[in-house]
């Protein structure tokens, strides 16, 4: 046995579980606004009641619209997210596990589990993701990132009180091309979608290093979350979606959501040895 390799592995696991890995930013990239993650500031982390991004277990959200492919053609696109009652501890913080599926032309293109938590100030953080891509229903690849593992660093998805012009990192993992950065782009907007007419909308402009000049616009409504997705800038990675359904799922549906999330969690340990396999498994609920 190579004792040196074993020691490195042990140190990597410890760093990932405790979130002690040092974070290195590209020179001149201070706009990412990375903030330290302190578990002591997450007293009731799984009670996510931020009015702009509430996450209540048992809720399902469905967005429908289109995305533009590499050839410039519009394709039907829909996203389905379920807030489970499962919990995964990351870097000493208990996170809510959300199960999300991404369909293009009614075919499952990606499935992922996301790990979110709310701090004592009311800000909602994203501590990592485990996404899998599929082709003809077969697993192709994964691109997981977790706070404290390799170059992964948690970010904020929604501030408690977003103000016009405010900027913040939504997470940082350049090794898997996740460098999302948020700007509070507009406030007090109105939008009409199939689930209703919403006023006092906050629009978050999301950009990243991978698609420079292209921006996603996410429209947030109080008490609901994202009700509309649009874009601006370069004609790259275009997407337009409306929230078409918000509903509480049945006990049977929740059981299936748990099963699907746990299946992804288990597979992550098999295919992501250098990141996901270093985390604690999903093994508890709220």
C-alpha atoms as a PDB file:
ATOM      1  CA  UNK A   1       0.000   0.000   0.000  1.00  0.00           C
ATOM      2  CA  UNK A   2       1.225   3.505  -0.875  1.00  0.00           C
ATOM      3  CA  UNK A   3       1.076   5.224   2.517  1.00  0.00           C
ATOM      4  CA  UNK A   4       1.683   8.648   0.970  1.00  0.00           C
ATOM      5  CA  UNK A   5      -1.373   8.351  -1.289  1.00  0.00           C
ATOM      6  CA  UNK A   6      -3.455   7.129   1.645  1.00  0.00           C
ATOM      7  CA  UNK A   7      -2.491  10.146   3.742  1.00  0.00           C
ATOM      8  CA  UNK A   8      -3.377  12.528   0.914  1.00  0.00           C
ATOM      9  CA  UNK A   9      -6.786  10.853   0.572  1.00  0.00           C
ATOM     10  CA  UNK A  10      -7.474  11.120   4.294  1.00  0.00           C
ATOM     11  CA  UNK A  11      -6.550  14.805   4.275  1.00  0.00           C
ATOM     12  CA  UNK A  12      -8.764  15.403   1.228  1.00  0.00           C
ATOM     13  CA  UNK A  13     -11.750  13.741   2.901  1.00  0.00           C
ATOM     14  CA  UNK A  14     -11.235  15.715   6.121  1.00  0.00           C
ATOM     15  CA  UNK A  15     -10.911  19.005   4.241  1.00  0.00           C
ATOM     16  CA  UNK A  16     -14.044  18.318   2.212  1.00  0.00           C
ATOM     17  CA  UNK A  17     -16.169  17.387   5.219  1.00  0.00           C
ATOM     18  CA  UNK A  18     -15.040  20.408   7.214  1.00  0.00           C
ATOM     19  CA  UNK A  19     -14.827  22.854   4.315  1.00  0.00           C
ATOM     20  CA  UNK A  20     -11.186  23.683   5.027  1.00  0.00           C
ATOM     21  CA  UNK A  21      -9.844  23.603   1.471  1.00  0.00           C
ATOM     22  CA  UNK A  22      -8.176  26.866   0.453  1.00  0.00           C
ATOM     23  CA  UNK A  23      -9.890  28.722  -2.381  1.00  0.00           C
ATOM     24  CA  UNK A  24      -7.787  30.168  -5.205  1.00  0.00           C
ATOM     25  CA  UNK A  25      -9.259  32.857  -7.424  1.00  0.00           C
ATOM     26  CA  UNK A  26      -8.016  33.728 -10.869  1.00  0.00           C
ATOM     27  CA  UNK A  27      -6.016  36.928 -10.789  1.00  0.00           C
ATOM     28  CA  UNK A  28      -8.222  39.979 -11.186  1.00  0.00           C
ATOM     29  CA  UNK A  29     -11.396  37.994 -10.525  1.00  0.00           C
ATOM     30  CA  UNK A  30     -12.444  39.688  -7.300  1.00  0.00           C
ATOM     31  CA  UNK A  31     -15.921  40.320  -8.721  1.00  0.00           C
ATOM     32  CA  UNK A  32     -16.849  36.812  -7.672  1.00  0.00           C
ATOM     33  CA  UNK A  33     -17.279  38.182  -4.137  1.00  0.00           C
ATOM     34  CA  UNK A  34     -16.605  34.871  -2.394  1.00  0.00           C
ATOM     35  CA  UNK A  35     -17.624  34.895   1.255  1.00  0.00           C
ATOM     36  CA  UNK A  36     -16.389  32.583   4.021  1.00  0.00           C
ATOM     37  CA  UNK A  37     -18.792  29.824   5.010  1.00  0.00           C
ATOM     38  CA  UNK A  38     -19.145  29.634   8.795  1.00  0.00           C
ATOM     39  CA  UNK A  39     -21.303  26.724  10.061  1.00  0.00           C
ATOM     40  CA  UNK A  40     -21.920  28.684  13.280  1.00  0.00           C
ATOM     41  CA  UNK A  41     -24.030  31.172  11.299  1.00  0.00           C
ATOM     42  CA  UNK A  42     -26.469  28.470  10.122  1.00  0.00           C
ATOM     43  CA  UNK A  43     -28.544  27.849  13.254  1.00  0.00           C
ATOM     44  CA  UNK A  44     -31.708  26.586  11.505  1.00  0.00           C
ATOM     45  CA  UNK A  45     -30.258  26.012   8.075  1.00  0.00           C
ATOM     46  CA  UNK A  46     -32.982  23.723   6.705  1.00  0.00           C
ATOM     47  CA  UNK A  47     -35.816  26.140   7.516  1.00  0.00           C
ATOM     48  CA  UNK A  48     -35.628  28.076   4.257  1.00  0.00           C
ATOM     49  CA  UNK A  49     -38.291  30.792   4.537  1.00  0.00           C
ATOM     50  CA  UNK A  50     -36.606  33.590   2.562  1.00  0.00           C
ATOM     51  CA  UNK A  51     -39.605  35.382   1.025  1.00  0.00           C
ATOM     52  CA  UNK A  52     -37.913  35.540  -2.398  1.00  0.00           C
ATOM     53  CA  UNK A  53     -36.816  31.907  -2.404  1.00  0.00           C
ATOM     54  CA  UNK A  54     -38.893  29.775  -0.016  1.00  0.00           C
ATOM     55  CA  UNK A  55     -38.186  26.038  -0.071  1.00  0.00           C
ATOM     56  CA  UNK A  56     -40.836  23.971   1.660  1.00  0.00           C
ATOM     57  CA  UNK A  57     -40.495  20.171   1.532  1.00  0.00           C
ATOM     58  CA  UNK A  58     -43.142  18.536  -0.614  1.00  0.00           C
ATOM     59  CA  UNK A  59     -43.454  21.373  -3.126  1.00  0.00           C
ATOM     60  CA  UNK A  60     -43.003  20.807  -6.868  1.00  0.00           C
ATOM     61  CA  UNK A  61     -42.282  23.592  -9.369  1.00  0.00           C
ATOM     62  CA  UNK A  62     -42.573  23.233 -13.146  1.00  0.00           C
ATOM     63  CA  UNK A  63     -41.150  25.722 -15.666  1.00  0.00           C
ATOM     64  CA  UNK A  64     -41.866  25.421 -19.372  1.00  0.00           C
ATOM     65  CA  UNK A  65     -40.604  27.243 -22.458  1.00  0.00           C
ATOM     66  CA  UNK A  66     -37.730  26.896 -24.893  1.00  0.00           C
ATOM     67  CA  UNK A  67     -33.956  26.880 -25.159  1.00  0.00           C
ATOM     68  CA  UNK A  68     -31.800  27.603 -28.199  1.00  0.00           C
ATOM     69  CA  UNK A  69     -29.445  24.812 -29.248  1.00  0.00           C
ATOM     70  CA  UNK A  70     -25.944  25.108 -30.722  1.00  0.00           C
ATOM     71  CA  UNK A  71     -27.400  25.382 -34.230  1.00  0.00           C
ATOM     72  CA  UNK A  72     -29.588  28.299 -33.196  1.00  0.00           C
ATOM     73  CA  UNK A  73     -32.810  26.288 -33.227  1.00  0.00           C
ATOM     74  CA  UNK A  74     -35.458  26.633 -30.531  1.00  0.00           C
ATOM     75  CA  UNK A  75     -36.214  23.432 -28.626  1.00  0.00           C
ATOM     76  CA  UNK A  76     -38.999  22.788 -26.114  1.00  0.00           C
ATOM     77  CA  UNK A  77     -37.471  22.949 -22.643  1.00  0.00           C
ATOM     78  CA  UNK A  78     -38.929  22.246 -19.227  1.00  0.00           C
ATOM     79  CA  UNK A  79     -37.547  21.972 -15.707  1.00  0.00           C
ATOM     80  CA  UNK A  80     -39.176  20.151 -12.785  1.00  0.00           C
ATOM     81  CA  UNK A  81     -37.922  20.681  -9.231  1.00  0.00           C
ATOM     82  CA  UNK A  82     -39.046  18.923  -6.064  1.00  0.00           C
ATOM     83  CA  UNK A  83     -38.069  20.109  -2.599  1.00  0.00           C
ATOM     84  CA  UNK A  84     -37.472  16.885  -0.668  1.00  0.00           C
ATOM     85  CA  UNK A  85     -37.430  16.372   3.086  1.00  0.00           C
ATOM     86  CA  UNK A  86     -33.933  14.863   2.867  1.00  0.00           C
ATOM     87  CA  UNK A  87     -30.887  16.514   4.381  1.00  0.00           C
ATOM     88  CA  UNK A  88     -27.201  16.332   3.457  1.00  0.00           C
ATOM     89  CA  UNK A  89     -24.509  17.774   5.689  1.00  0.00           C
ATOM     90  CA  UNK A  90     -21.813  19.719   3.862  1.00  0.00           C
ATOM     91  CA  UNK A  91     -18.905  21.409   5.641  1.00  0.00           C
ATOM     92  CA  UNK A  92     -20.786  21.242   8.927  1.00  0.00           C
ATOM     93  CA  UNK A  93     -23.985  22.761   7.502  1.00  0.00           C
ATOM     94  CA  UNK A  94     -27.219  20.776   7.144  1.00  0.00           C
ATOM     95  CA  UNK A  95     -28.659  21.413   3.681  1.00  0.00           C
ATOM     96  CA  UNK A  96     -32.040  20.830   2.056  1.00  0.00           C
ATOM     97  CA  UNK A  97     -31.858  18.402  -0.865  1.00  0.00           C
ATOM     98  CA  UNK A  98     -33.716  19.497  -4.018  1.00  0.00           C
ATOM     99  CA  UNK A  99     -34.200  17.051  -6.897  1.00  0.00           C
ATOM    100  CA  UNK A 100     -34.313  18.655 -10.337  1.00  0.00           C
ATOM    101  CA  UNK A 101     -34.896  17.258 -13.835  1.00  0.00           C
ATOM    102  CA  UNK A 102     -34.194  19.068 -17.100  1.00  0.00           C
ATOM    103  CA  UNK A 103     -36.122  17.987 -20.211  1.00  0.00           C
ATOM    104  CA  UNK A 104     -35.386  18.995 -23.816  1.00  0.00           C
ATOM    105  CA  UNK A 105     -37.960  17.917 -26.410  1.00  0.00           C
ATOM    106  CA  UNK A 106     -39.606  15.913 -23.592  1.00  0.00           C
ATOM    107  CA  UNK A 107     -36.460  13.816 -23.180  1.00  0.00           C
ATOM    108  CA  UNK A 108     -34.560  13.814 -19.890  1.00  0.00           C
ATOM    109  CA  UNK A 109     -31.270  15.586 -20.550  1.00  0.00           C
ATOM    110  CA  UNK A 110     -30.071  16.188 -16.995  1.00  0.00           C
ATOM    111  CA  UNK A 111     -30.989  15.244 -13.435  1.00  0.00           C
ATOM    112  CA  UNK A 112     -29.381  16.689 -10.350  1.00  0.00           C
ATOM    113  CA  UNK A 113     -29.546  17.094  -6.631  1.00  0.00           C
ATOM    114  CA  UNK A 114     -28.801  20.539  -5.187  1.00  0.00           C
ATOM    115  CA  UNK A 115     -27.893  21.412  -1.626  1.00  0.00           C
ATOM    116  CA  UNK A 116     -29.258  24.641  -0.160  1.00  0.00           C
ATOM    117  CA  UNK A 117     -29.262  26.211   3.282  1.00  0.00           C
ATOM    118  CA  UNK A 118     -30.364  29.480   4.886  1.00  0.00           C
ATOM    119  CA  UNK A 119     -28.081  31.393   7.223  1.00  0.00           C
ATOM    120  CA  UNK A 120     -29.098  33.323  10.312  1.00  0.00           C
ATOM    121  CA  UNK A 121     -29.412  36.552   8.284  1.00  0.00           C
ATOM    122  CA  UNK A 122     -31.937  34.957   5.930  1.00  0.00           C
ATOM    123  CA  UNK A 123     -29.657  34.568   2.885  1.00  0.00           C
ATOM    124  CA  UNK A 124     -30.061  31.307   0.939  1.00  0.00           C
ATOM    125  CA  UNK A 125     -26.786  29.566   0.056  1.00  0.00           C
ATOM    126  CA  UNK A 126     -25.951  26.930  -2.535  1.00  0.00           C
ATOM    127  CA  UNK A 127     -23.317  24.570  -1.111  1.00  0.00           C
ATOM    128  CA  UNK A 128     -23.004  22.270  -4.098  1.00  0.00           C
ATOM    129  CA  UNK A 129     -24.640  20.245  -6.837  1.00  0.00           C
ATOM    130  CA  UNK A 130     -24.459  16.761  -8.273  1.00  0.00           C
ATOM    131  CA  UNK A 131     -25.738  16.885 -11.895  1.00  0.00           C
ATOM    132  CA  UNK A 132     -25.813  13.958 -14.326  1.00  0.00           C
ATOM    133  CA  UNK A 133     -26.191  14.298 -18.098  1.00  0.00           C
ATOM    134  CA  UNK A 134     -27.963  11.691 -20.232  1.00  0.00           C
ATOM    135  CA  UNK A 135     -28.202  10.712 -23.888  1.00  0.00           C
ATOM    136  CA  UNK A 136     -31.039   8.391 -24.891  1.00  0.00           C
ATOM    137  CA  UNK A 137     -31.687   7.760 -21.189  1.00  0.00           C
ATOM    138  CA  UNK A 138     -28.095   6.589 -20.648  1.00  0.00           C
ATOM    139  CA  UNK A 139     -25.673   8.239 -18.239  1.00  0.00           C
ATOM    140  CA  UNK A 140     -23.006  10.258 -20.072  1.00  0.00           C
ATOM    141  CA  UNK A 141     -21.150  12.276 -17.446  1.00  0.00           C
ATOM    142  CA  UNK A 142     -21.381  14.178 -14.175  1.00  0.00           C
ATOM    143  CA  UNK A 143     -20.001  17.556 -13.159  1.00  0.00           C
ATOM    144  CA  UNK A 144     -20.376  17.706  -9.399  1.00  0.00           C
ATOM    145  CA  UNK A 145     -19.029  20.455  -7.192  1.00  0.00           C
ATOM    146  CA  UNK A 146     -19.156  20.693  -3.420  1.00  0.00           C
ATOM    147  CA  UNK A 147     -18.038  23.425  -1.055  1.00  0.00           C
ATOM    148  CA  UNK A 148     -14.600  22.595   0.327  1.00  0.00           C
ATOM    149  CA  UNK A 149     -13.793  19.919  -2.259  1.00  0.00           C
ATOM    150  CA  UNK A 150     -11.164  20.765  -4.898  1.00  0.00           C
ATOM    151  CA  UNK A 151     -11.980  24.322  -6.034  1.00  0.00           C
ATOM    152  CA  UNK A 152     -15.626  24.304  -4.902  1.00  0.00           C
ATOM    153  CA  UNK A 153     -16.846  27.247  -2.828  1.00  0.00           C
ATOM    154  CA  UNK A 154     -20.431  27.939  -1.763  1.00  0.00           C
ATOM    155  CA  UNK A 155     -22.313  30.996  -2.953  1.00  0.00           C
ATOM    156  CA  UNK A 156     -25.565  32.834  -2.310  1.00  0.00           C
ATOM    157  CA  UNK A 157     -28.605  32.145  -4.480  1.00  0.00           C
ATOM    158  CA  UNK A 158     -30.814  34.828  -2.938  1.00  0.00           C
ATOM    159  CA  UNK A 159     -30.231  37.570  -0.406  1.00  0.00           C
ATOM    160  CA  UNK A 160     -32.814  38.207   2.284  1.00  0.00           C
ATOM    161  CA  UNK A 161     -33.188  41.812   1.132  1.00  0.00           C
ATOM    162  CA  UNK A 162     -31.930  42.197  -2.461  1.00  0.00           C
ATOM    163  CA  UNK A 163     -31.133  45.819  -3.371  1.00  0.00           C
ATOM    164  CA  UNK A 164     -30.685  47.256  -6.864  1.00  0.00           C
ATOM    165  CA  UNK A 165     -27.056  46.995  -7.949  1.00  0.00           C
ATOM    166  CA  UNK A 166     -26.093  44.440  -5.312  1.00  0.00           C
ATOM    167  CA  UNK A 167     -23.645  41.758  -6.558  1.00  0.00           C
ATOM    168  CA  UNK A 168     -22.594  38.397  -5.127  1.00  0.00           C
ATOM    169  CA  UNK A 169     -21.182  35.005  -6.107  1.00  0.00           C
ATOM    170  CA  UNK A 170     -23.653  32.159  -6.563  1.00  0.00           C
ATOM    171  CA  UNK A 171     -20.861  29.614  -6.255  1.00  0.00           C
ATOM    172  CA  UNK A 172     -17.391  28.935  -7.551  1.00  0.00           C
ATOM    173  CA  UNK A 173     -16.058  25.734  -9.141  1.00  0.00           C
ATOM    174  CA  UNK A 174     -14.119  26.594 -12.317  1.00  0.00           C
ATOM    175  CA  UNK A 175     -12.986  22.969 -12.747  1.00  0.00           C
ATOM    176  CA  UNK A 176     -16.567  22.115 -13.806  1.00  0.00           C
ATOM    177  CA  UNK A 177     -17.246  25.514 -15.395  1.00  0.00           C
ATOM    178  CA  UNK A 178     -19.459  26.817 -12.603  1.00  0.00           C
ATOM    179  CA  UNK A 179     -18.619  30.465 -11.927  1.00  0.00           C
ATOM    180  CA  UNK A 180     -22.062  32.038 -11.654  1.00  0.00           C
ATOM    181  CA  UNK A 181     -22.189  35.648 -10.511  1.00  0.00           C
ATOM    182  CA  UNK A 182     -25.358  37.570  -9.607  1.00  0.00           C
ATOM    183  CA  UNK A 183     -26.367  41.199 -10.049  1.00  0.00           C
ATOM    184  CA  UNK A 184     -29.648  42.617  -8.756  1.00  0.00           C
ATOM    185  CA  UNK A 185     -30.537  43.992 -12.175  1.00  0.00           C
ATOM    186  CA  UNK A 186     -34.074  45.353 -11.720  1.00  0.00           C
ATOM    187  CA  UNK A 187     -36.618  45.758  -8.917  1.00  0.00           C
ATOM    188  CA  UNK A 188     -40.331  46.566  -8.861  1.00  0.00           C
ATOM    189  CA  UNK A 189     -41.036  44.809 -12.164  1.00  0.00           C
ATOM    190  CA  UNK A 190     -44.227  43.115 -13.314  1.00  0.00           C
ATOM    191  CA  UNK A 191     -44.620  39.808 -15.134  1.00  0.00           C
ATOM    192  CA  UNK A 192     -47.516  37.651 -16.308  1.00  0.00           C
ATOM    193  CA  UNK A 193     -47.082  33.870 -16.464  1.00  0.00           C
ATOM    194  CA  UNK A 194     -49.538  30.926 -16.457  1.00  0.00           C
ATOM    195  CA  UNK A 195     -49.441  30.762 -12.658  1.00  0.00           C
ATOM    196  CA  UNK A 196     -50.538  34.383 -12.283  1.00  0.00           C
ATOM    197  CA  UNK A 197     -49.720  38.078 -12.510  1.00  0.00           C
ATOM    198  CA  UNK A 198     -46.881  39.149 -10.254  1.00  0.00           C
ATOM    199  CA  UNK A 199     -45.835  42.631  -9.137  1.00  0.00           C
ATOM    200  CA  UNK A 200     -42.794  43.908  -7.260  1.00  0.00           C
ATOM    201  CA  UNK A 201     -40.567  41.430  -9.094  1.00  0.00           C
ATOM    202  CA  UNK A 202     -36.811  41.332  -8.445  1.00  0.00           C
ATOM    203  CA  UNK A 203     -34.752  40.448 -11.523  1.00  0.00           C
ATOM    204  CA  UNK A 204     -31.392  38.761 -10.957  1.00  0.00           C
ATOM    205  CA  UNK A 205     -28.871  38.920 -13.803  1.00  0.00           C
ATOM    206  CA  UNK A 206     -26.672  35.803 -13.809  1.00  0.00           C
ATOM    207  CA  UNK A 207     -23.408  35.681 -15.743  1.00  0.00           C
ATOM    208  CA  UNK A 208     -20.298  33.513 -15.760  1.00  0.00           C
ATOM    209  CA  UNK A 209     -16.813  33.262 -17.186  1.00  0.00           C
ATOM    210  CA  UNK A 210     -17.688  30.403 -19.540  1.00  0.00           C
ATOM    211  CA  UNK A 211     -20.215  32.347 -21.651  1.00  0.00           C
ATOM    212  CA  UNK A 212     -18.866  35.868 -21.386  1.00  0.00           C
ATOM    213  CA  UNK A 213     -21.351  38.461 -22.619  1.00  0.00           C
ATOM    214  CA  UNK A 214     -24.368  36.174 -22.165  1.00  0.00           C
ATOM    215  CA  UNK A 215     -26.748  36.715 -19.259  1.00  0.00           C
ATOM    216  CA  UNK A 216     -29.635  34.778 -17.744  1.00  0.00           C
ATOM    217  CA  UNK A 217     -32.378  36.873 -16.152  1.00  0.00           C
ATOM    218  CA  UNK A 218     -34.353  35.269 -13.337  1.00  0.00           C
ATOM    219  CA  UNK A 219     -37.553  36.956 -12.180  1.00  0.00           C
ATOM    220  CA  UNK A 220     -38.320  36.366  -8.480  1.00  0.00           C
ATOM    221  CA  UNK A 221     -41.728  36.906  -6.858  1.00  0.00           C
ATOM    222  CA  UNK A 222     -42.301  37.110  -3.109  1.00  0.00           C
ATOM    223  CA  UNK A 223     -43.663  33.928  -1.590  1.00  0.00           C
ATOM    224  CA  UNK A 224     -42.968  31.918  -4.748  1.00  0.00           C
ATOM    225  CA  UNK A 225     -39.426  32.181  -6.091  1.00  0.00           C
ATOM    226  CA  UNK A 226     -38.491  32.114  -9.768  1.00  0.00           C
ATOM    227  CA  UNK A 227     -41.568  32.750 -11.950  1.00  0.00           C
ATOM    228  CA  UNK A 228     -39.864  33.617 -15.242  1.00  0.00           C
ATOM    229  CA  UNK A 229     -36.464  33.099 -16.919  1.00  0.00           C
ATOM    230  CA  UNK A 230     -35.196  35.215 -19.816  1.00  0.00           C
ATOM    231  CA  UNK A 231     -31.877  36.337 -21.286  1.00  0.00           C
ATOM    232  CA  UNK A 232     -29.952  39.320 -22.596  1.00  0.00           C
ATOM    233  CA  UNK A 233     -26.622  39.969 -24.274  1.00  0.00           C
ATOM    234  CA  UNK A 234     -24.905  37.594 -26.672  1.00  0.00           C
ATOM    235  CA  UNK A 235     -27.065  35.050 -28.450  1.00  0.00           C
ATOM    236  CA  UNK A 236     -25.472  32.215 -26.507  1.00  0.00           C
ATOM    237  CA  UNK A 237     -27.130  29.836 -24.078  1.00  0.00           C
ATOM    238  CA  UNK A 238     -30.536  31.458 -24.650  1.00  0.00           C
ATOM    239  CA  UNK A 239     -33.478  30.287 -22.598  1.00  0.00           C
ATOM    240  CA  UNK A 240     -36.997  31.508 -21.884  1.00  0.00           C
ATOM    241  CA  UNK A 241     -39.175  29.769 -19.306  1.00  0.00           C
ATOM    242  CA  UNK A 242     -42.391  30.469 -17.386  1.00  0.00           C
ATOM    243  CA  UNK A 243     -43.518  28.958 -14.114  1.00  0.00           C
ATOM    244  CA  UNK A 244     -46.522  26.886 -15.203  1.00  0.00           C
ATOM    245  CA  UNK A 245     -47.261  24.867 -12.087  1.00  0.00           C
ATOM    246  CA  UNK A 246     -46.718  25.034  -8.321  1.00  0.00           C
ATOM    247  CA  UNK A 247     -48.170  22.189  -6.299  1.00  0.00           C
ATOM    248  CA  UNK A 248     -47.822  20.068  -3.193  1.00  0.00           C
ATOM    249  CA  UNK A 249     -47.056  16.488  -4.098  1.00  0.00           C
ATOM    250  CA  UNK A 250     -48.618  13.394  -2.532  1.00  0.00           C
ATOM    251  CA  UNK A 251     -46.922  11.093  -0.037  1.00  0.00           C
ATOM    252  CA  UNK A 252     -46.326   8.542  -2.793  1.00  0.00           C
ATOM    253  CA  UNK A 253     -44.757  11.161  -5.030  1.00  0.00           C
ATOM    254  CA  UNK A 254     -42.524  12.327  -2.185  1.00  0.00           C
ATOM    255  CA  UNK A 255     -41.400   8.746  -1.628  1.00  0.00           C
ATOM    256  CA  UNK A 256     -40.440   8.529  -5.320  1.00  0.00           C
ATOM    257  CA  UNK A 257     -38.595  11.848  -5.100  1.00  0.00           C
ATOM    258  CA  UNK A 258     -36.632  10.588  -2.083  1.00  0.00           C
ATOM    259  CA  UNK A 259     -35.796   7.379  -3.919  1.00  0.00           C
ATOM    260  CA  UNK A 260     -34.588   9.294  -6.996  1.00  0.00           C
ATOM    261  CA  UNK A 261     -32.462  11.685  -4.916  1.00  0.00           C
ATOM    262  CA  UNK A 262     -30.902   8.830  -2.943  1.00  0.00           C
ATOM    263  CA  UNK A 263     -30.165   6.972  -6.184  1.00  0.00           C
ATOM    264  CA  UNK A 264     -28.285  10.006  -7.524  1.00  0.00           C
ATOM    265  CA  UNK A 265     -26.482  10.374  -4.196  1.00  0.00           C
ATOM    266  CA  UNK A 266     -25.348   6.728  -4.327  1.00  0.00           C
ATOM    267  CA  UNK A 267     -24.233   6.959  -7.952  1.00  0.00           C
ATOM    268  CA  UNK A 268     -22.221  10.074  -7.131  1.00  0.00           C
ATOM    269  CA  UNK A 269     -19.979   8.034  -4.836  1.00  0.00           C
ATOM    270  CA  UNK A 270     -19.274   5.653  -7.713  1.00  0.00           C
ATOM    271  CA  UNK A 271     -18.488   8.146 -10.488  1.00  0.00           C
ATOM    272  CA  UNK A 272     -17.117  11.203  -8.669  1.00  0.00           C
ATOM    273  CA  UNK A 273     -14.273   9.789  -6.596  1.00  0.00           C
ATOM    274  CA  UNK A 274     -12.399  13.085  -6.241  1.00  0.00           C
ATOM    275  CA  UNK A 275     -15.337  15.247  -5.171  1.00  0.00           C
ATOM    276  CA  UNK A 276     -18.682  13.689  -4.326  1.00  0.00           C
ATOM    277  CA  UNK A 277     -17.246  10.538  -2.778  1.00  0.00           C
ATOM    278  CA  UNK A 278     -15.583  12.758  -0.162  1.00  0.00           C
ATOM    279  CA  UNK A 279     -18.916  13.963   1.250  1.00  0.00           C
ATOM    280  CA  UNK A 280     -21.261  12.551   3.854  1.00  0.00           C
ATOM    281  CA  UNK A 281     -24.164  10.599   2.326  1.00  0.00           C
ATOM    282  CA  UNK A 282     -27.760  11.726   2.473  1.00  0.00           C
ATOM    283  CA  UNK A 283     -28.941   9.862   5.541  1.00  0.00           C
ATOM    284  CA  UNK A 284     -31.343  12.059   7.450  1.00  0.00           C
ATOM    285  CA  UNK A 285     -34.497  14.098   7.070  1.00  0.00           C
ATOM    286  CA  UNK A 286     -35.862  17.255   8.640  1.00  0.00           C
END
